[in-house]
Amino acid sequence: MFQTIIRKRELMDSLSPNIEHSSPHYFKKIAQCLREEHIAQPTLIIDKQAFDHNLTLLSALSKGLKFRLVAKSLPSLALIDYVQGFMNSRQVMSFHLPFIKLICQSLPQADVLVGKPMTAIGVEQFYRWYETQTIAFQPAQQLQWLVDSLDRLKAYEAIAKSTIQPLQINLEIDVGLHRGGITCLEEFEQCLLFLQRSEHLSFSGLMGYEAHIHKVPSFLGGPNKAAEKTAARYAQFLEVMEFIVGSRDRYCINTGGSTTFNLYQGRGLANEIACGSLLLKPSDFDLDVLREFKPALFIATPILKTITKPELPGVEKISPLLRTLGVLPQRACFIYGGNWMARPIYPRHSKLFNAFGHSSNQEMYTLPNKPIDDETYLFMRPTQSEALMLGFGDIAIYEHGKIIDWWPVFNAS
């Protein structure tokens, strides 16, 4: 079922490499903007042209499916608002209770699917908080809680009774990732029948996450076989669901992620995908199937000091020999901050100096032997967005050679 589409995507991917961020001129222009803005601390940068390219591509490749934005990967209300406007979508997936509250307050029209099963204490806490609010957001119609077992379903019903708040329930099913979710079709049927009988809970749909597909090695069948098995497993749950509650068209049937969203267009399996990270494309998403997407997220941090002929503490006398042998670099620098989930990308051939290890204060990086024109900032490419984006303050939005705006990140406790 999925083999043809995977081969098609891989062929298209091979024809469109990304070259912009590999050019020294690219980072020199950004560095010039940072100097003009008097930026003197580590700063997160989004290349808006690359970001818009990724949005356009995602929109084209996911046509016919509803789009739900994964908020943890783009933890900024301004970013979420921009993406929702571009994609004409109000669907959000959120994974953190404080951020769910923030979205309810700030995006009153949002349709929120909780991305992981919350403890009963957490759900009860949310409704105790909601009772103190005067906001337009209506959880009974706009919030779906993810549930992965009959026991959790019973606990949620008790909360609904005690808070006098009806809850929408989306059932998490295990379609091959094995990180959680209902695995047994018998238990799944019991959950659906429980929801039908409940006066306090209502069934809203299914969520089956399958981020494992492109990580399955070839000796175990590779991505094609994993995609086929995932589709077959999801279809089993859908068959049971439709027998008990009716047509899937009435419900949120969610699957797909940043690495697998393009497997479902026109397939009649899911009606909704959830993505976030591929719009920024941190380096963990450097996969063949995503080659058309461009890196759009970078860290720029000031180079505080450049060291020629660096020495190691305690072995100063043999440091020249270590440099000759290549154990020590000829040139290095100390940056402002460090220890991020990121790797250096400019100046080229820079790398972490492992002998000193990581530092969150002044991390040491080797530099090319020959100085370059501009060594005021070291640029890094994050391996992921998520938690990393919360540690830099406002995001610099870079477009057409200028920083055009600053977008705040989530601020909730």
Protein backbone atom coordinates (compact mmCIF):
# COMPACT_ATOMS: atom_id res chain seq x y z
CA MET A 1 0.00 0.00 0.00
CA PHE A 2 2.68 2.48 1.01
CA GLN A 3 5.66 1.23 -1.01
CA THR A 4 4.91 3.31 -4.11
CA ILE A 5 4.51 6.57 -2.23
CA ILE A 6 7.72 6.02 -0.23
CA ARG A 7 9.71 5.33 -3.42
CA LYS A 8 8.16 8.41 -5.05
CA ARG A 9 9.10 10.64 -2.13
CA GLU A 10 12.68 9.32 -2.03
CA LEU A 11 13.09 9.96 -5.76
CA MET A 12 11.81 13.55 -5.43
CA ASP A 13 13.98 14.14 -2.36
CA SER A 14 17.16 13.17 -4.21
CA LEU A 15 16.57 15.95 -6.75
CA SER A 16 16.43 18.91 -4.36
CA PRO A 17 19.39 19.30 -1.98
CA ASN A 18 19.57 22.24 0.45
CA ILE A 19 22.58 24.48 -0.09
CA GLU A 20 21.73 27.86 1.43
CA HIS A 21 22.88 27.25 4.98
CA SER A 22 26.13 25.63 3.85
CA SER A 23 27.36 28.89 2.32
CA PRO A 24 29.75 31.03 4.44
CA HIS A 25 28.12 34.13 2.95
CA TYR A 26 24.79 33.07 4.46
CA PHE A 27 26.09 33.23 8.03
CA LYS A 28 28.19 36.34 7.43
CA LYS A 29 25.01 38.21 6.49
CA ILE A 30 23.22 37.02 9.62
CA ALA A 31 26.23 37.99 11.75
CA GLN A 32 26.12 41.47 10.24
CA CYS A 33 22.44 41.79 11.20
CA LEU A 34 23.19 40.67 14.74
CA ARG A 35 25.92 43.29 15.08
CA GLU A 36 23.59 45.97 13.75
CA GLU A 37 21.03 44.89 16.36
CA HIS A 38 23.77 44.94 19.06
CA ILE A 39 23.10 41.30 19.99
CA ALA A 40 25.55 40.29 22.69
CA GLN A 41 24.04 37.06 24.04
CA PRO A 42 23.07 33.63 22.65
CA THR A 43 20.13 34.11 20.29
CA LEU A 44 17.77 31.80 18.50
CA ILE A 45 17.16 32.64 14.84
CA ILE A 46 14.42 31.49 12.47
CA ASP A 47 15.06 31.97 8.77
CA LYS A 48 11.56 33.01 7.71
CA GLN A 49 12.15 32.35 4.01
CA ALA A 50 13.14 28.76 4.76
CA PHE A 51 10.25 28.47 7.21
CA ASP A 52 7.75 29.69 4.59
CA HIS A 53 9.24 27.27 2.07
CA ASN A 54 8.65 24.41 4.51
CA LEU A 55 5.07 25.54 5.19
CA THR A 56 4.31 25.70 1.47
CA LEU A 57 5.77 22.26 0.91
CA LEU A 58 3.92 20.73 3.87
CA SER A 59 0.65 22.25 2.65
CA ALA A 60 1.13 20.76 -0.81
CA LEU A 61 2.18 17.30 0.41
CA SER A 62 -0.59 16.97 3.00
CA LYS A 63 -3.49 18.23 0.89
CA GLY A 64 -6.74 16.47 1.75
CA LEU A 65 -5.77 15.92 5.40
CA LYS A 66 -6.51 18.13 8.37
CA PHE A 67 -3.39 19.64 9.89
CA ARG A 68 -2.74 19.77 13.63
CA LEU A 69 0.24 21.80 14.82
CA VAL A 70 2.45 20.16 17.47
CA ALA A 71 2.94 23.02 19.90
CA LYS A 72 5.90 21.54 21.79
CA SER A 73 7.99 21.82 18.62
CA LEU A 74 7.03 25.46 18.02
CA PRO A 75 6.60 26.82 21.56
CA SER A 76 5.64 30.38 20.64
CA LEU A 77 2.18 31.86 20.37
CA ALA A 78 3.34 34.07 17.50
CA LEU A 79 4.70 31.05 15.64
CA ILE A 80 1.53 29.05 16.25
CA ASP A 81 -0.65 31.93 15.11
CA TYR A 82 1.44 32.35 11.96
CA VAL A 83 1.34 28.66 11.06
CA GLN A 84 -2.38 28.35 11.76
CA GLY A 85 -3.08 31.31 9.47
CA PHE A 86 -0.90 29.86 6.72
CA MET A 87 -2.39 26.37 6.99
CA ASN A 88 -5.95 27.57 7.68
CA SER A 89 -6.10 25.36 10.76
CA ARG A 90 -7.06 25.83 14.38
CA GLN A 91 -6.00 22.34 15.49
CA VAL A 92 -3.21 22.12 18.10
CA MET A 93 -1.54 19.20 19.87
CA SER A 94 -0.07 20.06 23.27
CA PHE A 95 1.91 17.93 25.73
CA HIS A 96 2.44 20.09 28.81
CA LEU A 97 -0.29 21.17 31.24
CA PRO A 98 0.98 24.75 31.74
CA PHE A 99 1.12 25.20 27.96
CA ILE A 100 -2.35 23.71 27.52
CA LYS A 101 -3.60 26.38 29.91
CA LEU A 102 -1.70 29.08 28.02
CA ILE A 103 -3.21 27.97 24.70
CA CYS A 104 -6.71 27.91 26.21
CA GLN A 105 -6.24 31.49 27.43
CA SER A 106 -4.52 32.90 24.35
CA LEU A 107 -6.08 30.93 21.47
CA PRO A 108 -9.77 30.72 22.41
CA GLN A 109 -10.77 29.19 19.04
CA ALA A 110 -8.19 26.38 19.21
CA ASP A 111 -9.12 22.72 18.97
CA VAL A 112 -6.67 21.03 21.37
CA LEU A 113 -5.67 17.38 21.42
CA VAL A 114 -3.54 16.43 24.42
CA GLY A 115 -0.51 14.59 23.04
CA LYS A 116 0.07 12.13 25.88
CA PRO A 117 -2.05 10.58 28.63
CA MET A 118 -2.03 12.83 31.70
CA THR A 119 -2.24 11.60 35.28
CA ALA A 120 -5.62 11.89 36.94
CA ILE A 121 -4.12 14.49 39.27
CA GLY A 122 -3.08 16.59 36.28
CA VAL A 123 -6.52 16.44 34.66
CA GLU A 124 -8.24 17.34 37.93
CA GLN A 125 -5.80 20.22 38.39
CA PHE A 126 -6.68 21.56 34.94
CA TYR A 127 -10.40 21.73 35.74
CA ARG A 128 -9.80 23.29 39.15
CA TRP A 129 -7.81 25.96 37.30
CA TYR A 130 -10.47 26.33 34.60
CA GLU A 131 -13.13 27.03 37.21
CA THR A 132 -11.18 30.17 38.21
CA GLN A 133 -10.98 31.49 34.63
CA THR A 134 -13.27 33.71 32.59
CA ILE A 135 -12.18 32.67 29.09
CA ALA A 136 -14.01 31.86 25.87
CA PHE A 137 -12.36 28.44 25.48
CA GLN A 138 -14.84 25.61 26.12
CA PRO A 139 -13.10 22.32 27.06
CA ALA A 140 -16.26 20.28 26.57
CA GLN A 141 -16.15 21.08 22.83
CA GLN A 142 -12.53 22.12 22.21
CA LEU A 143 -10.32 19.82 24.31
CA GLN A 144 -9.63 16.11 23.74
CA TRP A 145 -7.89 14.14 26.48
CA LEU A 146 -5.75 11.20 25.37
CA VAL A 147 -6.50 7.92 27.18
CA ASP A 148 -4.50 4.70 26.85
CA SER A 149 -6.32 2.18 29.04
CA LEU A 150 -9.65 1.24 30.54
CA ASP A 151 -8.31 1.96 34.04
CA ARG A 152 -7.38 5.53 33.06
CA LEU A 153 -10.78 5.94 31.45
CA LYS A 154 -12.46 5.03 34.73
CA ALA A 155 -10.24 7.49 36.62
CA TYR A 156 -11.15 10.27 34.16
CA GLU A 157 -14.85 9.53 34.57
CA ALA A 158 -14.51 10.01 38.32
CA ILE A 159 -12.89 13.40 37.69
CA ALA A 160 -15.69 14.38 35.31
CA LYS A 161 -18.25 13.52 37.97
CA SER A 162 -16.46 15.44 40.71
CA THR A 163 -15.83 18.55 38.63
CA ILE A 164 -19.19 18.42 36.78
CA GLN A 165 -17.26 18.83 33.52
CA PRO A 166 -17.88 16.57 30.50
CA LEU A 167 -14.65 15.25 28.95
CA GLN A 168 -13.93 14.42 25.31
CA ILE A 169 -11.80 11.28 25.06
CA ASN A 170 -9.39 10.40 22.26
CA LEU A 171 -8.14 6.81 22.58
CA GLU A 172 -4.42 6.22 22.07
CA ILE A 173 -3.73 3.00 20.17
CA ASP A 174 -0.40 1.22 19.75
CA VAL A 175 0.23 0.79 16.03
CA GLY A 176 3.86 -0.33 16.31
CA LEU A 177 5.86 2.25 18.26
CA HIS A 178 5.22 0.42 21.57
CA ARG A 179 5.66 3.56 23.65
CA GLY A 180 2.15 3.31 25.01
CA GLY A 181 -1.43 3.07 23.94
CA ILE A 182 -4.02 0.32 23.85
CA THR A 183 -2.55 -2.84 22.35
CA CYS A 184 -5.41 -5.31 22.81
CA LEU A 185 -8.48 -5.08 20.56
CA GLU A 186 -10.59 -6.57 23.34
CA GLU A 187 -9.63 -3.77 25.75
CA PHE A 188 -10.19 -1.26 22.96
CA GLU A 189 -13.73 -2.58 22.50
CA GLN A 190 -14.31 -2.37 26.24
CA CYS A 191 -13.17 1.28 26.22
CA LEU A 192 -15.57 2.15 23.39
CA LEU A 193 -18.49 0.45 25.14
CA PHE A 194 -17.58 2.19 28.41
CA LEU A 195 -17.65 5.55 26.61
CA GLN A 196 -21.02 4.74 25.06
CA ARG A 197 -22.50 4.07 28.51
CA SER A 198 -20.87 7.02 30.24
CA GLU A 199 -22.91 10.13 31.03
CA HIS A 200 -19.76 12.16 31.60
CA LEU A 201 -17.34 11.11 28.86
CA SER A 202 -17.69 11.16 25.08
CA PHE A 203 -15.60 9.49 22.38
CA SER A 204 -13.83 11.95 20.04
CA GLY A 205 -11.41 9.81 18.03
CA LEU A 206 -8.16 7.83 17.83
CA MET A 207 -4.47 8.67 17.90
CA GLY A 208 -1.84 6.19 16.72
CA TYR A 209 1.68 7.57 16.57
CA GLU A 210 4.22 5.82 14.34
CA ALA A 211 7.53 7.70 14.55
CA HIS A 212 9.35 4.37 14.37
CA ILE A 213 8.64 3.77 10.66
CA HIS A 214 11.77 5.38 9.18
CA LYS A 215 13.96 4.00 11.98
CA VAL A 216 13.30 0.32 11.27
CA PRO A 217 16.53 -1.18 9.83
CA SER A 218 16.52 -2.99 6.52
CA PHE A 219 17.28 -6.40 8.08
CA LEU A 220 13.94 -6.10 9.90
CA GLY A 221 12.08 -5.12 6.74
CA GLY A 222 12.87 -1.40 6.62
CA PRO A 223 10.41 1.52 6.42
CA ASN A 224 8.20 0.00 3.72
CA LYS A 225 7.37 -3.07 5.77
CA ALA A 226 6.96 -0.99 8.94
CA ALA A 227 4.53 1.34 7.13
CA GLU A 228 2.50 -1.61 5.88
CA LYS A 229 2.31 -3.18 9.34
CA THR A 230 1.34 0.15 10.90
CA ALA A 231 -1.44 0.71 8.37
CA ALA A 232 -2.77 -2.80 8.87
CA ARG A 233 -2.77 -2.41 12.64
CA TYR A 234 -4.52 0.96 12.51
CA ALA A 235 -7.12 -0.53 10.14
CA GLN A 236 -7.91 -3.24 12.70
CA PHE A 237 -8.74 -0.65 15.35
CA LEU A 238 -10.77 1.37 12.86
CA GLU A 239 -12.83 -1.66 11.93
CA VAL A 240 -13.75 -2.27 15.57
CA MET A 241 -14.41 1.45 16.12
CA GLU A 242 -16.75 1.75 13.14
CA PHE A 243 -18.65 -1.38 14.16
CA ILE A 244 -19.38 0.10 17.59
CA VAL A 245 -19.66 3.88 17.12
CA GLY A 246 -20.16 4.40 13.38
CA SER A 247 -18.34 6.14 10.54
CA ARG A 248 -14.86 7.52 11.17
CA ASP A 249 -15.78 10.74 9.36
CA ARG A 250 -17.35 12.11 12.56
CA TYR A 251 -14.16 11.69 14.58
CA CYS A 252 -10.56 12.87 14.86
CA ILE A 253 -8.49 10.02 13.37
CA ASN A 254 -4.96 11.23 14.03
CA THR A 255 -1.63 9.76 12.99
CA GLY A 256 1.50 10.81 11.18
CA GLY A 257 4.27 13.09 12.36
CA SER A 258 7.11 15.13 10.96
CA THR A 259 8.77 12.09 9.40
CA THR A 260 5.66 10.19 8.25
CA PHE A 261 2.97 12.75 7.40
CA ASN A 262 3.35 12.16 3.64
CA LEU A 263 2.27 8.52 3.85
CA TYR A 264 -1.44 9.23 4.25
CA GLN A 265 -2.60 11.55 1.49
CA GLY A 266 -5.46 9.95 -0.42
CA ARG A 267 -5.17 6.65 1.48
CA GLY A 268 -8.45 6.82 3.42
CA LEU A 269 -6.84 5.73 6.69
CA ALA A 270 -6.37 8.82 8.87
CA ASN A 271 -8.08 12.16 8.38
CA GLU A 272 -5.57 14.21 10.36
CA ILE A 273 -1.79 14.54 10.69
CA ALA A 274 0.20 16.33 13.40
CA CYS A 275 3.52 18.04 12.61
CA GLY A 276 5.82 20.71 13.99
CA SER A 277 9.53 19.95 13.92
CA LEU A 278 9.88 19.58 10.16
CA LEU A 279 8.86 23.24 9.72
CA LEU A 280 12.14 24.22 11.42
CA LYS A 281 14.00 21.06 10.43
CA PRO A 282 16.55 20.64 13.22
CA SER A 283 19.30 18.15 12.39
CA ASP A 284 17.53 15.12 13.91
CA PHE A 285 15.22 15.42 10.90
CA ASP A 286 17.94 15.18 8.26
CA LEU A 287 16.27 12.23 6.57
CA ASP A 288 16.03 11.39 2.88
CA VAL A 289 12.25 11.67 3.00
CA LEU A 290 12.56 15.26 4.27
CA ARG A 291 15.34 16.47 2.01
CA GLU A 292 13.10 19.01 0.29
CA PHE A 293 12.60 20.78 3.63
CA LYS A 294 15.15 23.41 4.59
CA PRO A 295 16.88 24.04 7.92
CA ALA A 296 15.25 27.14 9.37
CA LEU A 297 16.45 27.22 12.99
CA PHE A 298 19.89 28.30 14.22
CA ILE A 299 21.66 29.46 17.36
CA ALA A 300 24.04 32.40 17.14
CA THR A 301 26.29 32.93 20.15
CA PRO A 302 29.09 35.47 20.60
CA ILE A 303 32.68 34.27 20.46
CA LEU A 304 34.09 35.72 23.66
CA LYS A 305 37.75 34.99 23.04
CA THR A 306 39.89 33.36 20.37
CA ILE A 307 42.90 31.32 21.51
CA THR A 308 45.99 30.67 19.40
CA LYS A 309 48.01 27.62 20.43
CA PRO A 310 45.72 26.54 23.27
CA GLU A 311 47.17 24.59 26.17
CA LEU A 312 45.75 21.97 28.51
CA PRO A 313 45.97 22.57 32.27
CA GLY A 314 48.76 20.54 33.88
CA VAL A 315 50.41 19.51 30.61
CA GLU A 316 51.61 22.88 29.36
CA LYS A 317 55.10 21.56 28.54
CA ILE A 318 53.86 18.91 26.14
CA SER A 319 51.04 21.02 24.68
CA PRO A 320 53.18 21.95 21.60
CA LEU A 321 53.70 18.24 20.92
CA LEU A 322 49.97 17.58 21.36
CA ARG A 323 49.21 20.32 18.84
CA THR A 324 51.68 18.81 16.38
CA LEU A 325 50.05 15.41 16.80
CA GLY A 326 46.61 16.94 16.32
CA VAL A 327 45.44 16.12 19.84
CA LEU A 328 45.21 19.84 20.55
CA PRO A 329 43.97 22.32 17.93
CA GLN A 330 46.07 25.20 16.65
CA ARG A 331 43.20 27.61 17.25
CA ALA A 332 40.12 27.54 19.48
CA CYS A 333 37.53 29.81 21.00
CA PHE A 334 35.30 30.14 24.03
CA ILE A 335 31.69 30.98 23.35
CA TYR A 336 29.00 32.68 25.40
CA GLY A 337 27.11 29.76 26.97
CA GLY A 338 26.94 26.25 25.57
CA ASN A 339 25.87 22.69 26.37
CA TRP A 340 22.90 22.95 24.03
CA MET A 341 21.34 20.19 21.95
CA ALA A 342 23.09 21.60 18.90
CA ARG A 343 26.18 21.24 16.73
CA PRO A 344 28.42 23.96 15.28
CA ILE A 345 27.91 24.79 11.63
CA TYR A 346 29.89 28.03 11.15
CA PRO A 347 32.79 28.80 11.15
CA ARG A 348 33.19 25.65 9.10
CA HIS A 349 35.05 22.71 10.66
CA SER A 350 34.43 24.03 14.18
CA LYS A 351 33.76 21.34 16.74
CA LEU A 352 33.45 20.87 20.47
CA PHE A 353 36.81 20.51 22.20
CA ASN A 354 36.19 17.20 23.94
CA ALA A 355 39.10 17.43 26.36
CA PHE A 356 37.30 20.22 28.20
CA GLY A 357 33.86 18.73 27.67
CA HIS A 358 30.59 20.59 27.87
CA SER A 359 30.07 23.86 29.71
CA SER A 360 26.89 25.92 30.07
CA ASN A 361 28.99 28.99 30.81
CA GLN A 362 31.92 29.16 28.36
CA GLU A 363 32.13 26.17 26.06
CA MET A 364 35.31 25.63 24.05
CA TYR A 365 35.29 24.94 20.31
CA THR A 366 38.11 24.34 17.89
CA LEU A 367 38.45 26.73 14.95
CA PRO A 368 39.95 26.39 11.47
CA ASN A 369 43.71 26.99 11.41
CA LYS A 370 43.28 29.94 9.10
CA PRO A 371 41.25 32.84 10.56
CA ILE A 372 38.17 33.91 8.58
CA ASP A 373 36.87 37.41 7.96
CA ASP A 374 34.19 37.25 10.61
CA GLU A 375 34.62 35.41 13.89
CA THR A 376 32.25 37.41 16.05
CA TYR A 377 29.61 34.68 16.38
CA LEU A 378 29.60 30.91 16.32
CA PHE A 379 26.50 29.48 14.64
CA MET A 380 24.99 26.18 15.67
CA ARG A 381 22.21 24.03 14.29
CA PRO A 382 19.92 22.51 16.94
CA THR A 383 19.31 18.77 16.90
CA GLN A 384 15.69 19.41 17.96
CA SER A 385 13.43 22.35 18.77
CA GLU A 386 11.09 21.49 21.65
CA ALA A 387 12.68 22.30 25.04
CA LEU A 388 15.71 23.99 23.47
CA MET A 389 13.63 26.89 22.14
CA LEU A 390 12.53 27.86 25.64
CA GLY A 391 16.05 28.76 26.77
CA PHE A 392 16.93 31.80 24.63
CA GLY A 393 14.23 34.41 25.12
CA ASP A 394 12.60 36.04 22.11
CA ILE A 395 13.32 34.50 18.69
CA ALA A 396 14.94 36.65 16.00
CA ILE A 397 12.92 36.38 12.77
CA TYR A 398 15.34 36.78 9.86
CA GLU A 399 14.15 37.55 6.31
CA HIS A 400 15.77 39.06 3.19
CA GLY A 401 18.98 39.87 5.01
CA LYS A 402 17.33 41.60 7.97
CA ILE A 403 15.89 40.79 11.37
CA ILE A 404 12.28 41.81 10.84
CA ASP A 405 10.77 40.91 14.21
CA TRP A 406 11.21 39.26 17.60
CA TRP A 407 8.69 36.57 18.62
CA PRO A 408 8.34 35.58 22.29
CA VAL A 409 8.41 31.92 23.36
CA PHE A 410 6.02 30.32 25.82
CA ASN A 411 6.18 31.66 29.31
CA ALA A 412 4.13 29.53 31.67
CA SER A 413 4.80 27.83 34.98
